Structures are given as structure tokens and as C-alpha cells.
């Protein structure tokens, strides 16, 4: 992979309970989407580099993909409502460091409350996650680009799940990050005795 391709693949996502509050404390330039009806503000992307600004709308001159080819990257400030239930950093650390009760993922009522997996109990039941990696695989399998692996033997899934595809590629780093957030959410459900 050459440096040009690496710039295009640059993708930084940060989850917040309230992205607008976080952004209000920072000085960034809105990333742009080019749509059939013109330019639009990217729903979550912000540039923190000295990127040229369109004087008419105050956003980046180029679409975020074009900006990436020119060496600029965006950071996506994403809303993740599960963090609203986390009291503080110490609470988050405790939730992250508590081994989750994996057996609860056999309960469709529990899975129905989990971000991203709520409509995919069939996949969770098939894989019976016992680790963050297993949970990450479930998250990747629900994507259209990897759905074909659902009923394949596990060795094929492990071999192919993180290989790039032409469409709908879900990066391992994203899947692991979301799997970790699901562990936090599962531990929050246990803490709140929700079932």
C-alpha cells in the first residue's frame, strides 16, 4: 500500500455521549459531503488541520474524500448514547475491567438492548461470543460485505473476516472498538439489573 492509499484510508472515530458539547470546546472546520443537490456538512466529520475554507459556507473546500487524497484527514465525533449512563472515568474503567457475563448473550431480551446487535440475535446465538474478538466477528458478520460468512466453518470466518472487500469493508479496529463498547453496555445492564 502506498502513502497515497494510506491517506485515503485514514479514519479516526471518537464516541461521545454528546458530540456537540465536545465540539463546542474545539476549533475545527466542518468536513464536507458532495451530494447531488450540492455541498452538505458532514454529519460527524471535522478537520483540525489548516485546510482551505470555502468563504461562502465556512466549511472545508473539498469533499472529505478529496481532502484525504490531498493529505487532510477528518475526525468523526460520533454519538454513543451508552456513555450517558457512565458516571465518570473511574466508572468507565471499572466497567471496562470487569469480565462480562458472556452467558447473558444467550438471552434474546438482553441482546435486544445492545447497540448494533439488537436486531441480530440469530448471529449472536450462532457464535456464542466468549471474548471481545468473538463479539467483533459478530459485528463484522452483520455487515452486508461479510454476511456471506455467516454459516461458514469458523476457520473460514477467522481467515476471511478481516480481509478487505470492494464494498462494505468493516475494519477490525472498528469492530474491536465497538465490541469493547458492547462489553461496557453489557456490564451496565448487569449493574442496573436490567434483563
N, C-alpha and C. Protein backbone atom coordinates (compact mmCIF):
# COMPACT_ATOMS: atom_id res chain seq x y z
N UNK A 1 0.86 -1.18 0.00
CA UNK A 1 0.00 0.00 0.00
C UNK A 1 0.90 1.24 0.00
N UNK A 2 0.67 2.15 -0.91
CA UNK A 2 1.50 3.34 -0.97
C UNK A 2 0.97 4.43 -0.03
N UNK A 3 1.74 5.48 0.13
CA UNK A 3 1.37 6.56 1.07
C UNK A 3 0.06 7.22 0.67
N UNK A 4 -0.19 7.34 -0.65
CA UNK A 4 -1.43 7.95 -1.12
C UNK A 4 -2.64 7.15 -0.65
N UNK A 5 -2.57 5.83 -0.80
CA UNK A 5 -3.67 4.97 -0.37
C UNK A 5 -3.83 5.03 1.14
N UNK A 6 -2.73 5.09 1.87
CA UNK A 6 -2.82 5.16 3.32
C UNK A 6 -3.55 6.42 3.76
N UNK A 7 -3.34 7.54 3.06
CA UNK A 7 -4.03 8.77 3.42
C UNK A 7 -5.53 8.62 3.23
N UNK A 8 -5.95 7.96 2.16
CA UNK A 8 -7.37 7.78 1.88
C UNK A 8 -8.01 6.91 2.97
N UNK A 9 -7.26 5.93 3.48
CA UNK A 9 -7.80 5.01 4.47
C UNK A 9 -7.82 5.59 5.88
N UNK A 10 -7.23 6.77 6.08
CA UNK A 10 -7.20 7.36 7.41
C UNK A 10 -8.62 7.63 7.88
N UNK A 11 -8.93 7.12 9.05
CA UNK A 11 -10.28 7.26 9.59
C UNK A 11 -10.18 7.23 11.10
N UNK A 12 -10.53 8.31 11.73
CA UNK A 12 -10.49 8.38 13.19
C UNK A 12 -11.90 8.67 13.68
N UNK A 13 -12.42 7.78 14.50
CA UNK A 13 -13.74 7.94 15.09
C UNK A 13 -13.59 8.04 16.60
N UNK A 14 -14.31 8.99 17.20
CA UNK A 14 -14.32 9.12 18.66
C UNK A 14 -15.78 9.18 19.09
N UNK A 15 -16.13 8.33 20.04
CA UNK A 15 -17.50 8.30 20.56
C UNK A 15 -17.65 9.24 21.75
N UNK A 16 -18.79 9.92 21.79
CA UNK A 16 -19.12 10.82 22.88
C UNK A 16 -20.58 10.64 23.26
N UNK A 17 -20.88 10.88 24.51
CA UNK A 17 -22.28 10.92 24.92
C UNK A 17 -22.96 12.10 24.23
N UNK A 18 -22.25 13.21 24.09
CA UNK A 18 -22.79 14.41 23.45
C UNK A 18 -21.71 15.04 22.57
N UNK A 19 -21.63 14.64 21.28
CA UNK A 19 -20.59 15.17 20.40
C UNK A 19 -20.65 16.69 20.25
N UNK A 20 -21.83 17.27 20.24
CA UNK A 20 -21.95 18.72 20.08
C UNK A 20 -21.28 19.45 21.25
N UNK A 21 -21.42 18.93 22.45
CA UNK A 21 -20.78 19.55 23.62
C UNK A 21 -19.27 19.46 23.49
N UNK A 22 -18.78 18.32 23.03
CA UNK A 22 -17.32 18.17 22.85
C UNK A 22 -16.81 19.12 21.78
N UNK A 23 -17.52 19.21 20.68
CA UNK A 23 -17.09 20.08 19.58
C UNK A 23 -17.16 21.56 19.96
N UNK A 24 -18.06 21.91 20.85
CA UNK A 24 -18.18 23.32 21.24
C UNK A 24 -16.92 23.81 21.96
N UNK A 25 -16.11 22.90 22.45
CA UNK A 25 -14.87 23.25 23.15
C UNK A 25 -13.66 23.28 22.22
N UNK A 26 -13.87 22.95 20.94
CA UNK A 26 -12.77 22.82 19.99
C UNK A 26 -12.97 23.73 18.79
N UNK A 27 -11.87 24.04 18.12
CA UNK A 27 -11.93 24.89 16.95
C UNK A 27 -11.57 24.06 15.72
N UNK A 28 -12.58 23.54 15.06
CA UNK A 28 -12.36 22.71 13.88
C UNK A 28 -13.13 23.24 12.69
N UNK A 29 -12.89 22.63 11.55
CA UNK A 29 -13.55 23.02 10.30
C UNK A 29 -14.39 21.85 9.84
N UNK A 30 -15.66 22.09 9.60
CA UNK A 30 -16.56 21.01 9.19
C UNK A 30 -16.11 20.37 7.90
N UNK A 31 -16.13 19.05 7.90
CA UNK A 31 -15.87 18.30 6.68
C UNK A 31 -17.10 18.41 5.78
N UNK A 32 -16.92 18.10 4.51
CA UNK A 32 -17.97 18.31 3.51
C UNK A 32 -18.31 17.01 2.79
N UNK A 33 -19.58 16.86 2.48
CA UNK A 33 -20.07 15.81 1.58
C UNK A 33 -20.57 16.49 0.32
N UNK A 34 -20.21 15.93 -0.80
CA UNK A 34 -20.77 16.44 -2.07
C UNK A 34 -21.94 15.54 -2.42
N UNK A 35 -23.11 16.13 -2.50
CA UNK A 35 -24.33 15.40 -2.80
C UNK A 35 -24.91 15.90 -4.11
N UNK A 36 -25.87 15.17 -4.69
CA UNK A 36 -26.44 15.61 -5.97
C UNK A 36 -26.97 17.04 -5.96
N UNK A 37 -27.46 17.48 -4.80
CA UNK A 37 -28.02 18.83 -4.72
C UNK A 37 -27.01 19.85 -4.19
N UNK A 38 -25.73 19.47 -4.10
CA UNK A 38 -24.70 20.41 -3.70
C UNK A 38 -23.90 19.96 -2.49
N UNK A 39 -23.26 20.93 -1.87
CA UNK A 39 -22.41 20.67 -0.72
C UNK A 39 -23.26 20.54 0.54
N UNK A 40 -22.84 19.64 1.43
CA UNK A 40 -23.52 19.48 2.71
C UNK A 40 -22.48 19.25 3.80
N UNK A 41 -22.81 19.70 4.97
CA UNK A 41 -21.94 19.49 6.12
C UNK A 41 -21.91 17.99 6.43
N UNK A 42 -20.73 17.45 6.63
CA UNK A 42 -20.59 16.05 7.03
C UNK A 42 -21.26 15.90 8.39
N UNK A 43 -22.03 14.84 8.61
CA UNK A 43 -22.77 14.73 9.87
C UNK A 43 -21.91 14.62 11.12
N UNK A 44 -20.67 14.15 10.98
CA UNK A 44 -19.86 14.00 12.19
C UNK A 44 -18.39 14.38 11.99
N UNK A 45 -17.97 14.63 10.76
CA UNK A 45 -16.56 14.84 10.47
C UNK A 45 -16.09 16.27 10.61
N UNK A 46 -14.91 16.42 11.21
CA UNK A 46 -14.30 17.72 11.43
C UNK A 46 -12.81 17.62 11.10
N UNK A 47 -12.29 18.65 10.45
CA UNK A 47 -10.85 18.75 10.19
C UNK A 47 -10.25 19.67 11.25
N UNK A 48 -9.09 19.28 11.77
CA UNK A 48 -8.38 20.12 12.72
C UNK A 48 -7.05 20.59 12.14
N UNK A 49 -6.88 20.39 10.84
CA UNK A 49 -5.69 20.88 10.15
C UNK A 49 -6.02 22.21 9.49
N UNK A 50 -5.01 22.85 8.98
CA UNK A 50 -5.19 24.14 8.30
C UNK A 50 -5.63 23.88 6.86
N UNK A 51 -6.86 23.43 6.72
CA UNK A 51 -7.43 23.10 5.41
C UNK A 51 -8.08 24.36 4.84
N UNK A 52 -8.00 24.55 3.52
CA UNK A 52 -8.68 25.72 2.94
C UNK A 52 -10.18 25.69 3.21
N UNK A 53 -10.73 26.87 3.45
CA UNK A 53 -12.14 27.02 3.81
C UNK A 53 -12.89 27.74 2.70
N UNK A 54 -14.07 27.25 2.40
CA UNK A 54 -14.95 27.92 1.44
C UNK A 54 -15.51 29.16 2.14
N UNK A 55 -15.28 30.36 1.59
CA UNK A 55 -15.74 31.58 2.27
C UNK A 55 -17.26 31.72 2.31
N UNK A 56 -17.98 31.00 1.45
CA UNK A 56 -19.44 31.12 1.44
C UNK A 56 -20.12 30.33 2.55
N UNK A 57 -19.56 29.17 2.90
CA UNK A 57 -20.24 28.37 3.92
C UNK A 57 -19.37 28.05 5.14
N UNK A 58 -18.09 28.43 5.11
CA UNK A 58 -17.21 28.22 6.25
C UNK A 58 -16.76 26.78 6.46
N UNK A 59 -17.08 25.91 5.50
CA UNK A 59 -16.67 24.52 5.59
C UNK A 59 -15.44 24.29 4.72
N UNK A 60 -14.86 23.10 4.83
CA UNK A 60 -13.70 22.75 4.02
C UNK A 60 -14.03 22.93 2.53
N UNK A 61 -13.03 23.28 1.76
CA UNK A 61 -13.23 23.50 0.32
C UNK A 61 -13.58 22.19 -0.38
N UNK A 62 -12.90 21.12 -0.01
CA UNK A 62 -13.06 19.85 -0.71
C UNK A 62 -13.94 18.88 0.07
N UNK A 63 -14.59 18.01 -0.66
CA UNK A 63 -15.26 16.84 -0.10
C UNK A 63 -14.23 16.09 0.76
N UNK A 64 -14.69 15.43 1.81
CA UNK A 64 -13.75 14.77 2.73
C UNK A 64 -12.88 13.72 2.04
N UNK A 65 -13.39 13.07 0.99
CA UNK A 65 -12.59 12.08 0.26
C UNK A 65 -11.49 12.76 -0.55
N UNK A 66 -11.84 13.86 -1.20
CA UNK A 66 -10.84 14.63 -1.95
C UNK A 66 -9.81 15.21 -0.98
N UNK A 67 -10.26 15.69 0.16
CA UNK A 67 -9.35 16.23 1.17
C UNK A 67 -8.35 15.16 1.61
N UNK A 68 -8.81 13.92 1.76
CA UNK A 68 -7.91 12.83 2.17
C UNK A 68 -6.83 12.59 1.13
N UNK A 69 -7.19 12.67 -0.15
CA UNK A 69 -6.17 12.47 -1.19
C UNK A 69 -5.14 13.60 -1.18
N UNK A 70 -5.50 14.73 -0.60
CA UNK A 70 -4.59 15.87 -0.52
C UNK A 70 -3.83 15.91 0.81
N UNK A 71 -4.01 14.86 1.63
CA UNK A 71 -3.25 14.76 2.88
C UNK A 71 -3.96 15.26 4.12
N UNK A 72 -5.23 15.63 4.00
CA UNK A 72 -6.01 16.08 5.15
C UNK A 72 -6.86 14.90 5.66
N UNK A 73 -7.09 14.87 6.94
CA UNK A 73 -7.95 13.83 7.48
C UNK A 73 -9.02 14.46 8.35
N UNK A 74 -10.09 13.71 8.52
CA UNK A 74 -11.17 14.18 9.38
C UNK A 74 -11.25 13.28 10.60
N UNK A 75 -11.78 13.83 11.64
CA UNK A 75 -12.09 13.06 12.83
C UNK A 75 -13.60 13.08 12.98
N UNK A 76 -14.19 11.89 13.12
CA UNK A 76 -15.63 11.79 13.29
C UNK A 76 -15.97 11.80 14.78
N UNK A 77 -16.79 12.75 15.17
CA UNK A 77 -17.30 12.86 16.54
C UNK A 77 -18.67 12.19 16.55
N UNK A 78 -18.71 10.97 17.06
CA UNK A 78 -19.92 10.15 16.97
C UNK A 78 -20.68 10.12 18.29
N UNK A 79 -21.99 10.09 18.17
CA UNK A 79 -22.84 9.97 19.36
C UNK A 79 -22.95 8.51 19.75
N UNK A 80 -22.69 8.22 20.99
CA UNK A 80 -22.87 6.87 21.52
C UNK A 80 -23.59 7.03 22.85
N UNK A 81 -24.89 6.78 22.81
CA UNK A 81 -25.73 7.06 23.97
C UNK A 81 -25.40 6.20 25.18
N UNK A 82 -24.72 5.09 24.99
CA UNK A 82 -24.43 4.26 26.16
C UNK A 82 -23.55 5.01 27.15
N UNK A 83 -22.77 5.96 26.68
CA UNK A 83 -21.90 6.70 27.59
C UNK A 83 -22.67 7.65 28.51
N UNK A 84 -23.92 7.91 28.22
CA UNK A 84 -24.73 8.75 29.11
C UNK A 84 -24.94 8.10 30.47
N UNK A 85 -24.82 6.78 30.51
CA UNK A 85 -25.03 6.06 31.77
C UNK A 85 -23.74 5.87 32.55
N UNK A 86 -22.62 6.28 31.95
CA UNK A 86 -21.33 6.17 32.63
C UNK A 86 -21.13 7.44 33.45
N UNK A 87 -20.95 7.27 34.75
CA UNK A 87 -20.88 8.42 35.67
C UNK A 87 -19.60 9.25 35.51
N UNK A 88 -18.47 8.57 35.35
CA UNK A 88 -17.19 9.28 35.26
C UNK A 88 -16.13 8.31 34.74
N UNK A 89 -14.90 8.79 34.66
CA UNK A 89 -13.81 7.98 34.10
C UNK A 89 -13.56 6.72 34.94
N UNK A 90 -13.62 6.85 36.25
CA UNK A 90 -13.40 5.69 37.12
C UNK A 90 -14.48 4.63 36.91
N UNK A 91 -15.71 5.08 36.72
CA UNK A 91 -16.81 4.15 36.45
C UNK A 91 -16.58 3.43 35.13
N UNK A 92 -16.16 4.18 34.10
CA UNK A 92 -15.87 3.57 32.80
C UNK A 92 -14.74 2.55 32.92
N UNK A 93 -13.68 2.91 33.64
CA UNK A 93 -12.58 1.97 33.85
C UNK A 93 -13.06 0.69 34.52
N UNK A 94 -13.91 0.83 35.53
CA UNK A 94 -14.44 -0.34 36.23
C UNK A 94 -15.27 -1.21 35.29
N UNK A 95 -16.09 -0.58 34.46
CA UNK A 95 -16.91 -1.34 33.50
C UNK A 95 -16.04 -2.05 32.47
N UNK A 96 -14.97 -1.39 32.04
CA UNK A 96 -14.06 -1.98 31.06
C UNK A 96 -13.26 -3.14 31.64
N UNK A 97 -12.95 -3.05 32.92
CA UNK A 97 -12.08 -4.05 33.55
C UNK A 97 -12.84 -5.18 34.24
N UNK A 98 -14.15 -5.16 34.13
CA UNK A 98 -14.96 -6.23 34.69
C UNK A 98 -15.25 -7.26 33.60
N UNK A 99 -14.86 -8.51 33.82
CA UNK A 99 -15.18 -9.53 32.81
C UNK A 99 -16.70 -9.61 32.63
N UNK A 100 -17.17 -9.50 31.40
CA UNK A 100 -18.62 -9.51 31.19
C UNK A 100 -19.20 -10.90 31.38
N UNK A 101 -20.45 -10.96 31.77
CA UNK A 101 -21.13 -12.26 31.89
C UNK A 101 -21.58 -12.73 30.49
N UNK A 102 -20.67 -13.37 29.78
CA UNK A 102 -20.93 -13.76 28.39
C UNK A 102 -22.20 -14.60 28.24
N UNK A 103 -22.53 -15.38 29.26
CA UNK A 103 -23.72 -16.24 29.18
C UNK A 103 -25.00 -15.43 28.95
N UNK A 104 -25.02 -14.15 29.34
CA UNK A 104 -26.22 -13.33 29.14
C UNK A 104 -26.53 -13.11 27.66
N UNK A 105 -25.52 -13.30 26.81
CA UNK A 105 -25.75 -13.11 25.37
C UNK A 105 -26.58 -14.25 24.77
N UNK A 106 -26.90 -15.26 25.57
CA UNK A 106 -27.82 -16.31 25.12
C UNK A 106 -29.28 -15.88 25.28
N UNK A 107 -29.49 -14.75 25.91
CA UNK A 107 -30.85 -14.26 26.19
C UNK A 107 -31.24 -13.21 25.13
N UNK A 108 -32.23 -13.51 24.30
CA UNK A 108 -32.63 -12.56 23.26
C UNK A 108 -33.07 -11.21 23.82
N UNK A 109 -33.62 -11.22 25.04
CA UNK A 109 -34.06 -9.96 25.66
C UNK A 109 -32.85 -9.06 25.96
N UNK A 110 -31.75 -9.66 26.38
CA UNK A 110 -30.53 -8.89 26.64
C UNK A 110 -29.95 -8.38 25.32
N UNK A 111 -29.82 -9.27 24.34
CA UNK A 111 -29.23 -8.87 23.06
C UNK A 111 -30.06 -7.76 22.41
N UNK A 112 -31.36 -7.80 22.61
CA UNK A 112 -32.23 -6.77 22.00
C UNK A 112 -31.94 -5.37 22.55
N UNK A 113 -31.22 -5.29 23.65
CA UNK A 113 -30.89 -3.99 24.26
C UNK A 113 -29.48 -3.50 23.90
N UNK A 114 -28.74 -4.31 23.14
CA UNK A 114 -27.35 -3.97 22.84
C UNK A 114 -27.22 -3.22 21.52
N UNK A 115 -26.49 -2.13 21.59
CA UNK A 115 -26.21 -1.30 20.42
C UNK A 115 -25.66 -2.16 19.29
N UNK A 116 -26.12 -1.96 18.10
CA UNK A 116 -25.71 -2.62 16.86
C UNK A 116 -26.14 -4.08 16.76
N UNK A 117 -26.23 -4.80 17.85
CA UNK A 117 -26.61 -6.21 17.79
C UNK A 117 -28.09 -6.45 18.02
N UNK A 118 -28.84 -5.42 18.41
CA UNK A 118 -30.21 -5.61 18.86
C UNK A 118 -31.12 -6.35 17.87
N UNK A 119 -30.85 -6.25 16.58
CA UNK A 119 -31.67 -6.96 15.58
C UNK A 119 -31.00 -8.21 15.04
N UNK A 120 -29.94 -8.67 15.70
CA UNK A 120 -29.15 -9.77 15.16
C UNK A 120 -28.92 -10.88 16.18
N UNK A 121 -29.95 -11.21 16.92
CA UNK A 121 -29.81 -12.29 17.89
C UNK A 121 -29.40 -13.59 17.23
N UNK A 122 -29.87 -13.83 16.01
CA UNK A 122 -29.53 -15.08 15.31
C UNK A 122 -28.02 -15.25 15.18
N UNK A 123 -27.32 -14.19 14.86
CA UNK A 123 -25.87 -14.26 14.70
C UNK A 123 -25.19 -14.42 16.06
N UNK A 124 -25.66 -13.68 17.06
CA UNK A 124 -25.08 -13.80 18.41
C UNK A 124 -25.28 -15.23 18.92
N UNK A 125 -26.46 -15.78 18.71
CA UNK A 125 -26.74 -17.15 19.15
C UNK A 125 -25.86 -18.16 18.42
N UNK A 126 -25.63 -17.93 17.14
CA UNK A 126 -24.80 -18.84 16.36
C UNK A 126 -23.35 -18.83 16.85
N UNK A 127 -22.82 -17.66 17.16
CA UNK A 127 -21.40 -17.55 17.52
C UNK A 127 -21.12 -17.67 19.02
N UNK A 128 -22.15 -17.48 19.86
CA UNK A 128 -21.98 -17.57 21.31
C UNK A 128 -20.68 -16.91 21.77
N UNK A 129 -20.57 -15.59 21.62
CA UNK A 129 -19.33 -14.89 21.94
C UNK A 129 -18.85 -15.15 23.37
N UNK A 130 -17.55 -15.38 23.48
CA UNK A 130 -16.90 -15.59 24.77
C UNK A 130 -15.69 -14.68 24.93
N UNK A 131 -15.55 -13.75 23.98
CA UNK A 131 -14.40 -12.83 24.03
C UNK A 131 -14.74 -11.59 23.21
N UNK A 132 -13.92 -10.57 23.36
CA UNK A 132 -14.11 -9.35 22.57
C UNK A 132 -13.92 -9.67 21.09
N UNK A 133 -12.96 -10.52 20.77
CA UNK A 133 -12.74 -10.90 19.36
C UNK A 133 -13.98 -11.58 18.78
N UNK A 134 -14.61 -12.50 19.54
CA UNK A 134 -15.83 -13.15 19.08
C UNK A 134 -16.94 -12.12 18.83
N UNK A 135 -17.05 -11.18 19.75
CA UNK A 135 -18.07 -10.14 19.61
C UNK A 135 -17.78 -9.27 18.39
N UNK A 136 -16.52 -8.97 18.14
CA UNK A 136 -16.12 -8.19 16.96
C UNK A 136 -16.49 -8.93 15.69
N UNK A 137 -16.32 -10.25 15.68
CA UNK A 137 -16.69 -11.04 14.50
C UNK A 137 -18.20 -10.96 14.27
N UNK A 138 -18.98 -11.04 15.34
CA UNK A 138 -20.45 -10.89 15.19
C UNK A 138 -20.78 -9.54 14.56
N UNK A 139 -20.11 -8.49 15.01
CA UNK A 139 -20.35 -7.15 14.47
C UNK A 139 -19.98 -7.07 12.99
N UNK A 140 -18.92 -7.74 12.60
CA UNK A 140 -18.49 -7.73 11.20
C UNK A 140 -19.44 -8.55 10.33
N UNK A 141 -19.89 -9.68 10.83
CA UNK A 141 -20.77 -10.58 10.07
C UNK A 141 -22.11 -9.92 9.73
N UNK A 142 -22.57 -9.00 10.58
CA UNK A 142 -23.86 -8.37 10.29
C UNK A 142 -23.76 -7.36 9.15
N UNK A 143 -22.54 -7.02 8.74
CA UNK A 143 -22.35 -6.09 7.62
C UNK A 143 -22.59 -6.83 6.31
N UNK A 144 -23.24 -6.17 5.35
CA UNK A 144 -23.54 -6.85 4.07
C UNK A 144 -22.32 -7.46 3.38
N UNK A 145 -21.18 -6.80 3.47
CA UNK A 145 -19.99 -7.30 2.79
C UNK A 145 -19.43 -8.58 3.36
N UNK A 146 -19.82 -8.94 4.57
CA UNK A 146 -19.32 -10.16 5.20
C UNK A 146 -20.42 -11.14 5.58
N UNK A 147 -21.64 -10.80 5.28
CA UNK A 147 -22.77 -11.66 5.65
C UNK A 147 -22.67 -13.06 5.06
N UNK A 148 -21.99 -13.19 3.91
CA UNK A 148 -21.84 -14.49 3.26
C UNK A 148 -21.08 -15.50 4.14
N UNK A 149 -20.36 -15.01 5.13
CA UNK A 149 -19.60 -15.89 6.01
C UNK A 149 -20.44 -16.48 7.14
N UNK A 150 -21.65 -16.03 7.30
CA UNK A 150 -22.45 -16.39 8.48
C UNK A 150 -22.48 -17.89 8.76
N UNK A 151 -22.73 -18.71 7.77
CA UNK A 151 -22.88 -20.14 8.02
C UNK A 151 -21.66 -20.96 7.62
N UNK A 152 -20.53 -20.30 7.46
CA UNK A 152 -19.29 -20.98 7.10
C UNK A 152 -18.62 -21.54 8.36
N UNK A 153 -17.73 -22.52 8.17
CA UNK A 153 -16.97 -23.02 9.33
C UNK A 153 -16.13 -21.91 9.95
N UNK A 154 -15.90 -21.99 11.23
CA UNK A 154 -15.21 -20.93 11.96
C UNK A 154 -13.81 -20.65 11.40
N UNK A 155 -13.09 -21.69 10.94
CA UNK A 155 -11.75 -21.43 10.42
C UNK A 155 -11.81 -20.56 9.17
N UNK A 156 -12.86 -20.70 8.35
CA UNK A 156 -13.03 -19.84 7.17
C UNK A 156 -13.36 -18.41 7.60
N UNK A 157 -14.20 -18.28 8.59
CA UNK A 157 -14.56 -16.96 9.09
C UNK A 157 -13.32 -16.25 9.63
N UNK A 158 -12.57 -16.95 10.48
CA UNK A 158 -11.35 -16.36 11.05
C UNK A 158 -10.36 -15.96 9.96
N UNK A 159 -10.29 -16.74 8.90
CA UNK A 159 -9.35 -16.47 7.81
C UNK A 159 -9.78 -15.26 6.97
N UNK A 160 -11.10 -15.10 6.76
CA UNK A 160 -11.59 -14.13 5.78
C UNK A 160 -12.26 -12.87 6.35
N UNK A 161 -12.63 -12.89 7.61
CA UNK A 161 -13.47 -11.82 8.13
C UNK A 161 -12.84 -10.43 8.03
N UNK A 162 -11.52 -10.33 8.19
CA UNK A 162 -10.90 -9.01 8.20
C UNK A 162 -10.24 -8.65 6.87
N UNK A 163 -10.43 -9.49 5.85
CA UNK A 163 -9.88 -9.17 4.54
C UNK A 163 -10.72 -8.06 3.90
N UNK A 164 -10.06 -7.08 3.30
CA UNK A 164 -10.83 -6.01 2.64
C UNK A 164 -11.65 -6.56 1.48
N UNK A 165 -12.82 -5.98 1.31
CA UNK A 165 -13.65 -6.29 0.16
C UNK A 165 -13.93 -4.99 -0.58
N UNK A 166 -14.47 -5.12 -1.76
CA UNK A 166 -14.71 -3.92 -2.57
C UNK A 166 -15.74 -3.00 -1.93
N UNK A 167 -16.75 -3.58 -1.29
CA UNK A 167 -17.83 -2.79 -0.69
C UNK A 167 -18.04 -3.22 0.76
N UNK A 168 -18.46 -2.27 1.57
CA UNK A 168 -18.87 -2.55 2.95
C UNK A 168 -17.80 -3.19 3.81
N UNK A 169 -16.56 -2.82 3.61
CA UNK A 169 -15.48 -3.35 4.43
C UNK A 169 -15.58 -2.77 5.83
N UNK A 170 -15.59 -3.63 6.81
CA UNK A 170 -15.67 -3.21 8.21
C UNK A 170 -14.33 -3.54 8.85
N UNK A 171 -13.58 -2.54 9.22
CA UNK A 171 -12.23 -2.73 9.72
C UNK A 171 -12.24 -3.42 11.09
N UNK A 172 -11.23 -4.24 11.29
CA UNK A 172 -11.09 -4.94 12.57
C UNK A 172 -11.01 -3.94 13.72
N UNK A 173 -10.29 -2.85 13.52
CA UNK A 173 -10.15 -1.86 14.59
C UNK A 173 -11.51 -1.28 15.00
N UNK A 174 -12.39 -1.04 14.02
CA UNK A 174 -13.73 -0.55 14.34
C UNK A 174 -14.52 -1.61 15.09
N UNK A 175 -14.45 -2.84 14.61
CA UNK A 175 -15.21 -3.91 15.23
C UNK A 175 -14.76 -4.15 16.67
N UNK A 176 -13.45 -4.13 16.91
CA UNK A 176 -12.94 -4.32 18.27
C UNK A 176 -13.40 -3.17 19.17
N UNK A 177 -13.32 -1.95 18.66
CA UNK A 177 -13.76 -0.80 19.47
C UNK A 177 -15.23 -0.91 19.83
N UNK A 178 -16.08 -1.28 18.87
CA UNK A 178 -17.50 -1.42 19.18
C UNK A 178 -17.75 -2.62 20.10
N UNK A 179 -16.96 -3.67 19.94
CA UNK A 179 -17.11 -4.82 20.84
C UNK A 179 -16.78 -4.42 22.27
N UNK A 180 -15.75 -3.61 22.45
CA UNK A 180 -15.41 -3.12 23.79
C UNK A 180 -16.55 -2.28 24.35
N UNK A 181 -17.15 -1.44 23.50
CA UNK A 181 -18.28 -0.63 23.99
C UNK A 181 -19.47 -1.52 24.35
N UNK A 182 -19.63 -2.65 23.65
CA UNK A 182 -20.70 -3.58 23.99
C UNK A 182 -20.44 -4.26 25.34
N UNK A 183 -19.18 -4.51 25.65
CA UNK A 183 -18.84 -5.05 26.97
C UNK A 183 -19.23 -4.03 28.04
N UNK A 184 -18.94 -2.77 27.80
CA UNK A 184 -19.35 -1.72 28.74
C UNK A 184 -20.86 -1.73 28.89
N UNK A 185 -21.57 -1.80 27.77
CA UNK A 185 -23.03 -1.78 27.82
C UNK A 185 -23.59 -3.00 28.54
N UNK A 186 -23.02 -4.17 28.27
CA UNK A 186 -23.47 -5.39 28.94
C UNK A 186 -23.23 -5.27 30.46
N UNK A 187 -22.08 -4.78 30.84
CA UNK A 187 -21.80 -4.60 32.28
C UNK A 187 -22.72 -3.55 32.90
N UNK A 188 -23.07 -2.52 32.14
CA UNK A 188 -24.04 -1.54 32.64
C UNK A 188 -25.40 -2.18 32.87
N UNK A 189 -25.82 -3.03 31.94
CA UNK A 189 -27.11 -3.72 32.12
C UNK A 189 -27.11 -4.57 33.38
N UNK A 190 -26.00 -5.27 33.62
CA UNK A 190 -25.88 -6.08 34.83
C UNK A 190 -25.92 -5.19 36.07
N UNK A 191 -25.18 -4.09 36.01
CA UNK A 191 -25.14 -3.15 37.13
C UNK A 191 -26.52 -2.61 37.46
N UNK A 192 -27.31 -2.40 36.43
CA UNK A 192 -28.66 -1.83 36.61
C UNK A 192 -29.73 -2.90 36.75
N UNK A 193 -29.29 -4.17 36.78
CA UNK A 193 -30.22 -5.33 36.89
C UNK A 193 -31.31 -5.28 35.85
N UNK A 194 -30.92 -4.96 34.62
CA UNK A 194 -31.89 -4.93 33.53
C UNK A 194 -31.81 -6.27 32.84
N UNK A 195 -32.98 -6.86 32.59
CA UNK A 195 -32.96 -8.15 31.91
C UNK A 195 -34.25 -8.42 31.23
